[in-house]
């Protein structure tokens, strides 16, 4: 899976949806590390309405082992 700006994704662990807002670079790494900027489509008590998160793109797009089965960390929704 390759993340795309404007698309909606569901996280495997919490089953909640997020929209990718942009891609950016972590400037304190060498080489620069590309990151995904994405926004929750839900509100939280501690972070407020629709919080925005940043995660390395490699991590956003990776597959992880869940009970012996590889699943995408984020899966595109519809």
PDB file of N, CA and C in Angstrom:
ATOM      1  N   UNK A   1       0.839  -1.168   0.000  1.00  0.00           N
ATOM      2  CA  UNK A   1       0.000   0.000   0.000  1.00  0.00           C
ATOM      3  C   UNK A   1       0.890   1.239   0.000  1.00  0.00           C
ATOM      4  N   UNK A   2       0.515   2.189  -0.803  1.00  0.00           N
ATOM      5  CA  UNK A   2       1.207   3.470  -0.831  1.00  0.00           C
ATOM      6  C   UNK A   2       0.216   4.539  -0.393  1.00  0.00           C
ATOM      7  N   UNK A   3       0.518   5.221   0.684  1.00  0.00           N
ATOM      8  CA  UNK A   3      -0.370   6.255   1.208  1.00  0.00           C
ATOM      9  C   UNK A   3      -0.508   7.404   0.210  1.00  0.00           C
ATOM     10  N   UNK A   4      -1.695   8.002   0.175  1.00  0.00           N
ATOM     11  CA  UNK A   4      -1.958   9.126  -0.718  1.00  0.00           C
ATOM     12  C   UNK A   4      -2.701  10.226   0.041  1.00  0.00           C
ATOM     13  N   UNK A   5      -2.333  11.461  -0.235  1.00  0.00           N
ATOM     14  CA  UNK A   5      -2.987  12.613   0.374  1.00  0.00           C
ATOM     15  C   UNK A   5      -4.471  12.607   0.005  1.00  0.00           C
ATOM     16  N   UNK A   6      -5.313  12.884   1.007  1.00  0.00           N
ATOM     17  CA  UNK A   6      -6.753  12.977   0.785  1.00  0.00           C
ATOM     18  C   UNK A   6      -7.496  11.667   0.948  1.00  0.00           C
ATOM     19  N   UNK A   7      -6.760  10.563   1.043  1.00  0.00           N
ATOM     20  CA  UNK A   7      -7.427   9.265   1.185  1.00  0.00           C
ATOM     21  C   UNK A   7      -7.634   8.929   2.655  1.00  0.00           C
ATOM     22  N   UNK A   8      -8.628   8.070   2.871  1.00  0.00           N
ATOM     23  CA  UNK A   8      -9.028   7.655   4.215  1.00  0.00           C
ATOM     24  C   UNK A   8      -8.483   6.258   4.501  1.00  0.00           C
ATOM     25  N   UNK A   9      -7.971   6.073   5.727  1.00  0.00           N
ATOM     26  CA  UNK A   9      -7.371   4.802   6.128  1.00  0.00           C
ATOM     27  C   UNK A   9      -7.888   4.386   7.498  1.00  0.00           C
ATOM     28  N   UNK A  10      -7.929   3.088   7.738  1.00  0.00           N
ATOM     29  CA  UNK A  10      -8.343   2.540   9.031  1.00  0.00           C
ATOM     30  C   UNK A  10      -7.145   1.872   9.683  1.00  0.00           C
ATOM     31  N   UNK A  11      -6.936   2.170  10.965  1.00  0.00           N
ATOM     32  CA  UNK A  11      -5.829   1.588  11.727  1.00  0.00           C
ATOM     33  C   UNK A  11      -6.231   0.206  12.226  1.00  0.00           C
ATOM     34  N   UNK A  12      -5.313  -0.747  12.108  1.00  0.00           N
ATOM     35  CA  UNK A  12      -5.608  -2.142  12.449  1.00  0.00           C
ATOM     36  C   UNK A  12      -5.956  -2.317  13.929  1.00  0.00           C
ATOM     37  N   UNK A  13      -5.335  -1.538  14.807  1.00  0.00           N
ATOM     38  CA  UNK A  13      -5.485  -1.781  16.243  1.00  0.00           C
ATOM     39  C   UNK A  13      -6.774  -1.194  16.815  1.00  0.00           C
ATOM     40  N   UNK A  14      -7.054   0.069  16.507  1.00  0.00           N
ATOM     41  CA  UNK A  14      -8.231   0.705  17.104  1.00  0.00           C
ATOM     42  C   UNK A  14      -9.435   0.750  16.165  1.00  0.00           C
ATOM     43  N   UNK A  15      -9.236   0.315  14.918  1.00  0.00           N
ATOM     44  CA  UNK A  15     -10.308   0.254  13.921  1.00  0.00           C
ATOM     45  C   UNK A  15     -10.949   1.623  13.655  1.00  0.00           C
ATOM     46  N   UNK A  16     -10.181   2.692  13.887  1.00  0.00           N
ATOM     47  CA  UNK A  16     -10.677   4.047  13.645  1.00  0.00           C
ATOM     48  C   UNK A  16     -10.097   4.601  12.357  1.00  0.00           C
ATOM     49  N   UNK A  17     -10.786   5.611  11.826  1.00  0.00           N
ATOM     50  CA  UNK A  17     -10.388   6.150  10.527  1.00  0.00           C
ATOM     51  C   UNK A  17      -9.601   7.451  10.638  1.00  0.00           C
ATOM     52  N   UNK A  18      -8.727   7.631   9.619  1.00  0.00           N
ATOM     53  CA  UNK A  18      -7.842   8.790   9.542  1.00  0.00           C
ATOM     54  C   UNK A  18      -7.780   9.235   8.087  1.00  0.00           C
ATOM     55  N   UNK A  19      -7.533  10.515   7.870  1.00  0.00           N
ATOM     56  CA  UNK A  19      -7.324  11.056   6.521  1.00  0.00           C
ATOM     57  C   UNK A  19      -5.896  11.586   6.440  1.00  0.00           C
ATOM     58  N   UNK A  20      -5.195  11.201   5.368  1.00  0.00           N
ATOM     59  CA  UNK A  20      -3.835  11.691   5.152  1.00  0.00           C
ATOM     60  C   UNK A  20      -3.924  13.135   4.656  1.00  0.00           C
ATOM     61  N   UNK A  21      -3.260  14.035   5.381  1.00  0.00           N
ATOM     62  CA  UNK A  21      -3.272  15.459   5.047  1.00  0.00           C
ATOM     63  C   UNK A  21      -2.100  15.871   4.172  1.00  0.00           C
ATOM     64  N   UNK A  22      -0.934  15.296   4.455  1.00  0.00           N
ATOM     65  CA  UNK A  22       0.281  15.736   3.759  1.00  0.00           C
ATOM     66  C   UNK A  22       1.422  14.778   4.057  1.00  0.00           C
ATOM     67  N   UNK A  23       2.513  14.997   3.355  1.00  0.00           N
ATOM     68  CA  UNK A  23       3.774  14.316   3.633  1.00  0.00           C
ATOM     69  C   UNK A  23       4.782  15.398   3.994  1.00  0.00           C
ATOM     70  N   UNK A  24       5.685  15.065   4.893  1.00  0.00           N
ATOM     71  CA  UNK A  24       6.699  16.024   5.293  1.00  0.00           C
ATOM     72  C   UNK A  24       7.986  15.283   5.601  1.00  0.00           C
ATOM     73  N   UNK A  25       8.990  16.015   6.009  1.00  0.00           N
ATOM     74  CA  UNK A  25      10.300  15.424   6.281  1.00  0.00           C
ATOM     75  C   UNK A  25      10.767  15.782   7.683  1.00  0.00           C
ATOM     76  N   UNK A  26      11.289  14.806   8.378  1.00  0.00           N
ATOM     77  CA  UNK A  26      11.890  15.009   9.685  1.00  0.00           C
ATOM     78  C   UNK A  26      13.309  15.490   9.440  1.00  0.00           C
ATOM     79  N   UNK A  27      13.553  16.739   9.790  1.00  0.00           N
ATOM     80  CA  UNK A  27      14.825  17.371   9.425  1.00  0.00           C
ATOM     81  C   UNK A  27      15.982  17.009  10.342  1.00  0.00           C
ATOM     82  N   UNK A  28      15.715  16.315  11.431  1.00  0.00           N
ATOM     83  CA  UNK A  28      16.779  15.948  12.355  1.00  0.00           C
ATOM     84  C   UNK A  28      17.338  14.559  12.067  1.00  0.00           C
ATOM     85  N   UNK A  29      16.981  14.000  10.922  1.00  0.00           N
ATOM     86  CA  UNK A  29      17.522  12.691  10.538  1.00  0.00           C
ATOM     87  C   UNK A  29      18.368  12.845   9.283  1.00  0.00           C
ATOM     88  N   UNK A  30      19.311  11.951   9.130  1.00  0.00           N
ATOM     89  CA  UNK A  30      20.167  11.960   7.939  1.00  0.00           C
ATOM     90  C   UNK A  30      20.264  10.538   7.420  1.00  0.00           C
ATOM     91  N   UNK A  31      19.712  10.224   6.275  1.00  0.00           N
ATOM     92  CA  UNK A  31      19.010  11.150   5.375  1.00  0.00           C
ATOM     93  C   UNK A  31      17.663  11.583   5.966  1.00  0.00           C
ATOM     94  N   UNK A  32      17.054  12.585   5.338  1.00  0.00           N
ATOM     95  CA  UNK A  32      15.757  13.057   5.797  1.00  0.00           C
ATOM     96  C   UNK A  32      14.754  11.901   5.802  1.00  0.00           C
ATOM     97  N   UNK A  33      13.953  11.840   6.847  1.00  0.00           N
ATOM     98  CA  UNK A  33      12.964  10.775   6.964  1.00  0.00           C
ATOM     99  C   UNK A  33      11.600  11.317   6.552  1.00  0.00           C
ATOM    100  N   UNK A  34      10.991  10.684   5.533  1.00  0.00           N
ATOM    101  CA  UNK A  34       9.681  11.115   5.067  1.00  0.00           C
ATOM    102  C   UNK A  34       8.620  10.644   6.056  1.00  0.00           C
ATOM    103  N   UNK A  35       7.694  11.543   6.383  1.00  0.00           N
ATOM    104  CA  UNK A  35       6.641  11.249   7.349  1.00  0.00           C
ATOM    105  C   UNK A  35       5.267  11.512   6.742  1.00  0.00           C
ATOM    106  N   UNK A  36       4.259  10.863   7.320  1.00  0.00           N
ATOM    107  CA  UNK A  36       2.868  11.052   6.931  1.00  0.00           C
ATOM    108  C   UNK A  36       2.205  11.901   8.011  1.00  0.00           C
ATOM    109  N   UNK A  37       1.502  12.939   7.598  1.00  0.00           N
ATOM    110  CA  UNK A  37       0.714  13.768   8.502  1.00  0.00           C
ATOM    111  C   UNK A  37      -0.738  13.363   8.276  1.00  0.00           C
ATOM    112  N   UNK A  38      -1.386  12.890   9.336  1.00  0.00           N
ATOM    113  CA  UNK A  38      -2.748  12.378   9.162  1.00  0.00           C
ATOM    114  C   UNK A  38      -3.636  12.796  10.321  1.00  0.00           C
ATOM    115  N   UNK A  39      -4.936  12.921  10.033  1.00  0.00           N
ATOM    116  CA  UNK A  39      -5.878  13.441  11.010  1.00  0.00           C
ATOM    117  C   UNK A  39      -6.924  12.404  11.363  1.00  0.00           C
ATOM    118  N   UNK A  40      -7.132  12.226  12.673  1.00  0.00           N
ATOM    119  CA  UNK A  40      -8.165  11.328  13.162  1.00  0.00           C
ATOM    120  C   UNK A  40      -9.534  11.843  12.740  1.00  0.00           C
ATOM    121  N   UNK A  41     -10.432  10.942  12.479  1.00  0.00           N
ATOM    122  CA  UNK A  41     -11.803  11.311  12.139  1.00  0.00           C
ATOM    123  C   UNK A  41     -12.713  11.073  13.341  1.00  0.00           C
ATOM    124  N   UNK A  42     -12.167  11.354  14.522  1.00  0.00           N
ATOM    125  CA  UNK A  42     -12.899  11.213  15.782  1.00  0.00           C
ATOM    126  C   UNK A  42     -12.295  12.196  16.779  1.00  0.00           C
ATOM    127  N   UNK A  43     -13.013  12.469  17.832  1.00  0.00           N
ATOM    128  CA  UNK A  43     -12.549  13.368  18.883  1.00  0.00           C
ATOM    129  C   UNK A  43     -12.041  12.551  20.068  1.00  0.00           C
ATOM    130  N   UNK A  44     -11.121  13.143  20.846  1.00  0.00           N
ATOM    131  CA  UNK A  44     -10.638  12.484  22.052  1.00  0.00           C
ATOM    132  C   UNK A  44     -10.741  13.449  23.232  1.00  0.00           C
ATOM    133  N   UNK A  45     -10.860  12.892  24.422  1.00  0.00           N
ATOM    134  CA  UNK A  45     -10.933  13.724  25.619  1.00  0.00           C
ATOM    135  C   UNK A  45      -9.602  14.419  25.886  1.00  0.00           C
ATOM    136  N   UNK A  46      -8.499  13.715  25.648  1.00  0.00           N
ATOM    137  CA  UNK A  46      -7.193  14.277  25.991  1.00  0.00           C
ATOM    138  C   UNK A  46      -6.568  15.138  24.893  1.00  0.00           C
ATOM    139  N   UNK A  47      -6.832  14.830  23.636  1.00  0.00           N
ATOM    140  CA  UNK A  47      -6.207  15.569  22.525  1.00  0.00           C
ATOM    141  C   UNK A  47      -7.165  16.505  21.800  1.00  0.00           C
ATOM    142  N   UNK A  48      -8.443  16.435  22.121  1.00  0.00           N
ATOM    143  CA  UNK A  48      -9.429  17.327  21.518  1.00  0.00           C
ATOM    144  C   UNK A  48     -10.037  16.774  20.236  1.00  0.00           C
ATOM    145  N   UNK A  49     -10.677  17.674  19.478  1.00  0.00           N
ATOM    146  CA  UNK A  49     -11.367  17.252  18.263  1.00  0.00           C
ATOM    147  C   UNK A  49     -10.402  16.912  17.124  1.00  0.00           C
ATOM    148  N   UNK A  50     -10.628  15.780  16.528  1.00  0.00           N
ATOM    149  CA  UNK A  50      -9.885  15.334  15.341  1.00  0.00           C
ATOM    150  C   UNK A  50      -8.391  15.651  15.403  1.00  0.00           C
ATOM    151  N   UNK A  51      -7.664  15.060  16.346  1.00  0.00           N
ATOM    152  CA  UNK A  51      -6.233  15.357  16.473  1.00  0.00           C
ATOM    153  C   UNK A  51      -5.437  14.945  15.235  1.00  0.00           C
ATOM    154  N   UNK A  52      -4.321  15.623  15.047  1.00  0.00           N
ATOM    155  CA  UNK A  52      -3.426  15.362  13.917  1.00  0.00           C
ATOM    156  C   UNK A  52      -2.195  14.632  14.438  1.00  0.00           C
ATOM    157  N   UNK A  53      -1.758  13.613  13.685  1.00  0.00           N
ATOM    158  CA  UNK A  53      -0.618  12.800  14.068  1.00  0.00           C
ATOM    159  C   UNK A  53       0.418  12.789  12.956  1.00  0.00           C
ATOM    160  N   UNK A  54       1.658  12.441  13.321  1.00  0.00           N
ATOM    161  CA  UNK A  54       2.759  12.314  12.368  1.00  0.00           C
ATOM    162  C   UNK A  54       3.439  10.982  12.636  1.00  0.00           C
ATOM    163  N   UNK A  55       3.728  10.250  11.560  1.00  0.00           N
ATOM    164  CA  UNK A  55       4.372   8.945  11.684  1.00  0.00           C
ATOM    165  C   UNK A  55       5.299   8.763  10.484  1.00  0.00           C
ATOM    166  N   UNK A  56       6.443   8.130  10.664  1.00  0.00           N
ATOM    167  CA  UNK A  56       7.299   7.849   9.513  1.00  0.00           C
ATOM    168  C   UNK A  56       6.507   7.094   8.430  1.00  0.00           C
ATOM    169  N   UNK A  57       6.706   7.481   7.195  1.00  0.00           N
ATOM    170  CA  UNK A  57       5.956   6.860   6.093  1.00  0.00           C
ATOM    171  C   UNK A  57       6.181   5.353   6.029  1.00  0.00           C
ATOM    172  N   UNK A  58       7.407   4.933   6.272  1.00  0.00           N
ATOM    173  CA  UNK A  58       7.722   3.499   6.255  1.00  0.00           C
ATOM    174  C   UNK A  58       6.836   2.760   7.260  1.00  0.00           C
ATOM    175  N   UNK A  59       6.672   3.345   8.427  1.00  0.00           N
ATOM    176  CA  UNK A  59       5.853   2.722   9.464  1.00  0.00           C
ATOM    177  C   UNK A  59       4.367   2.761   9.090  1.00  0.00           C
ATOM    178  N   UNK A  60       3.901   3.885   8.531  1.00  0.00           N
ATOM    179  CA  UNK A  60       2.497   4.025   8.138  1.00  0.00           C
ATOM    180  C   UNK A  60       2.121   2.961   7.108  1.00  0.00           C
ATOM    181  N   UNK A  61       3.020   2.689   6.180  1.00  0.00           N
ATOM    182  CA  UNK A  61       2.725   1.782   5.064  1.00  0.00           C
ATOM    183  C   UNK A  61       3.090   0.325   5.332  1.00  0.00           C
ATOM    184  N   UNK A  62       3.703   0.030   6.463  1.00  0.00           N
ATOM    185  CA  UNK A  62       4.187  -1.328   6.698  1.00  0.00           C
ATOM    186  C   UNK A  62       3.084  -2.312   7.074  1.00  0.00           C
ATOM    187  N   UNK A  63       3.434  -3.584   6.936  1.00  0.00           N
ATOM    188  CA  UNK A  63       2.596  -4.683   7.421  1.00  0.00           C
ATOM    189  C   UNK A  63       3.191  -5.146   8.744  1.00  0.00           C
ATOM    190  N   UNK A  64       2.323  -5.503   9.675  1.00  0.00           N
ATOM    191  CA  UNK A  64       2.786  -5.956  10.982  1.00  0.00           C
ATOM    192  C   UNK A  64       2.195  -7.322  11.298  1.00  0.00           C
ATOM    193  N   UNK A  65       2.857  -8.029  12.183  1.00  0.00           N
ATOM    194  CA  UNK A  65       2.431  -9.370  12.584  1.00  0.00           C
ATOM    195  C   UNK A  65       1.406  -9.278  13.709  1.00  0.00           C
ATOM    196  N   UNK A  66       0.206  -9.765  13.435  1.00  0.00           N
ATOM    197  CA  UNK A  66      -0.846  -9.827  14.448  1.00  0.00           C
ATOM    198  C   UNK A  66      -1.225 -11.299  14.606  1.00  0.00           C
ATOM    199  N   UNK A  67      -0.778 -11.886  15.686  1.00  0.00           N
ATOM    200  CA  UNK A  67      -1.064 -13.295  15.963  1.00  0.00           C
ATOM    201  C   UNK A  67      -0.658 -14.205  14.805  1.00  0.00           C
ATOM    202  N   UNK A  68       0.513 -13.945  14.225  1.00  0.00           N
ATOM    203  CA  UNK A  68       1.042 -14.790  13.165  1.00  0.00           C
ATOM    204  C   UNK A  68       0.573 -14.452  11.763  1.00  0.00           C
ATOM    205  N   UNK A  69      -0.242 -13.422  11.622  1.00  0.00           N
ATOM    206  CA  UNK A  69      -0.740 -13.000  10.312  1.00  0.00           C
ATOM    207  C   UNK A  69      -0.254 -11.591  10.023  1.00  0.00           C
ATOM    208  N   UNK A  70       0.318 -11.378   8.826  1.00  0.00           N
ATOM    209  CA  UNK A  70       0.739 -10.039   8.433  1.00  0.00           C
ATOM    210  C   UNK A  70      -0.474  -9.242   7.960  1.00  0.00           C
ATOM    211  N   UNK A  71      -0.664  -8.071   8.568  1.00  0.00           N
ATOM    212  CA  UNK A  71      -1.773  -7.190   8.183  1.00  0.00           C
ATOM    213  C   UNK A  71      -1.210  -5.788   8.005  1.00  0.00           C
ATOM    214  N   UNK A  72      -1.840  -4.968   7.141  1.00  0.00           N
ATOM    215  CA  UNK A  72      -1.369  -3.596   7.003  1.00  0.00           C
ATOM    216  C   UNK A  72      -1.669  -2.802   8.273  1.00  0.00           C
ATOM    217  N   UNK A  73      -0.735  -1.981   8.687  1.00  0.00           N
ATOM    218  CA  UNK A  73      -0.974  -1.110   9.863  1.00  0.00           C
ATOM    219  C   UNK A  73      -2.153  -0.193   9.574  1.00  0.00           C
ATOM    220  N   UNK A  74      -2.174   0.390   8.369  1.00  0.00           N
ATOM    221  CA  UNK A  74      -3.291   1.218   7.918  1.00  0.00           C
ATOM    222  C   UNK A  74      -3.822   0.641   6.612  1.00  0.00           C
ATOM    223  N   UNK A  75      -5.123   0.484   6.530  1.00  0.00           N
ATOM    224  CA  UNK A  75      -5.749  -0.062   5.321  1.00  0.00           C
ATOM    225  C   UNK A  75      -6.642   1.024   4.722  1.00  0.00           C
ATOM    226  N   UNK A  76      -6.512   1.226   3.408  1.00  0.00           N
ATOM    227  CA  UNK A  76      -7.351   2.217   2.749  1.00  0.00           C
ATOM    228  C   UNK A  76      -8.824   1.837   2.882  1.00  0.00           C
ATOM    229  N   UNK A  77      -9.654   2.851   3.118  1.00  0.00           N
ATOM    230  CA  UNK A  77     -11.095   2.648   3.269  1.00  0.00           C
ATOM    231  C   UNK A  77     -11.784   3.142   2.011  1.00  0.00           C
ATOM    232  N   UNK A  78     -12.617   2.281   1.445  1.00  0.00           N
ATOM    233  CA  UNK A  78     -13.472   2.603   0.304  1.00  0.00           C
ATOM    234  C   UNK A  78     -12.906   3.530  -0.665  1.00  0.00           C
TER     235      UNK A  78
END
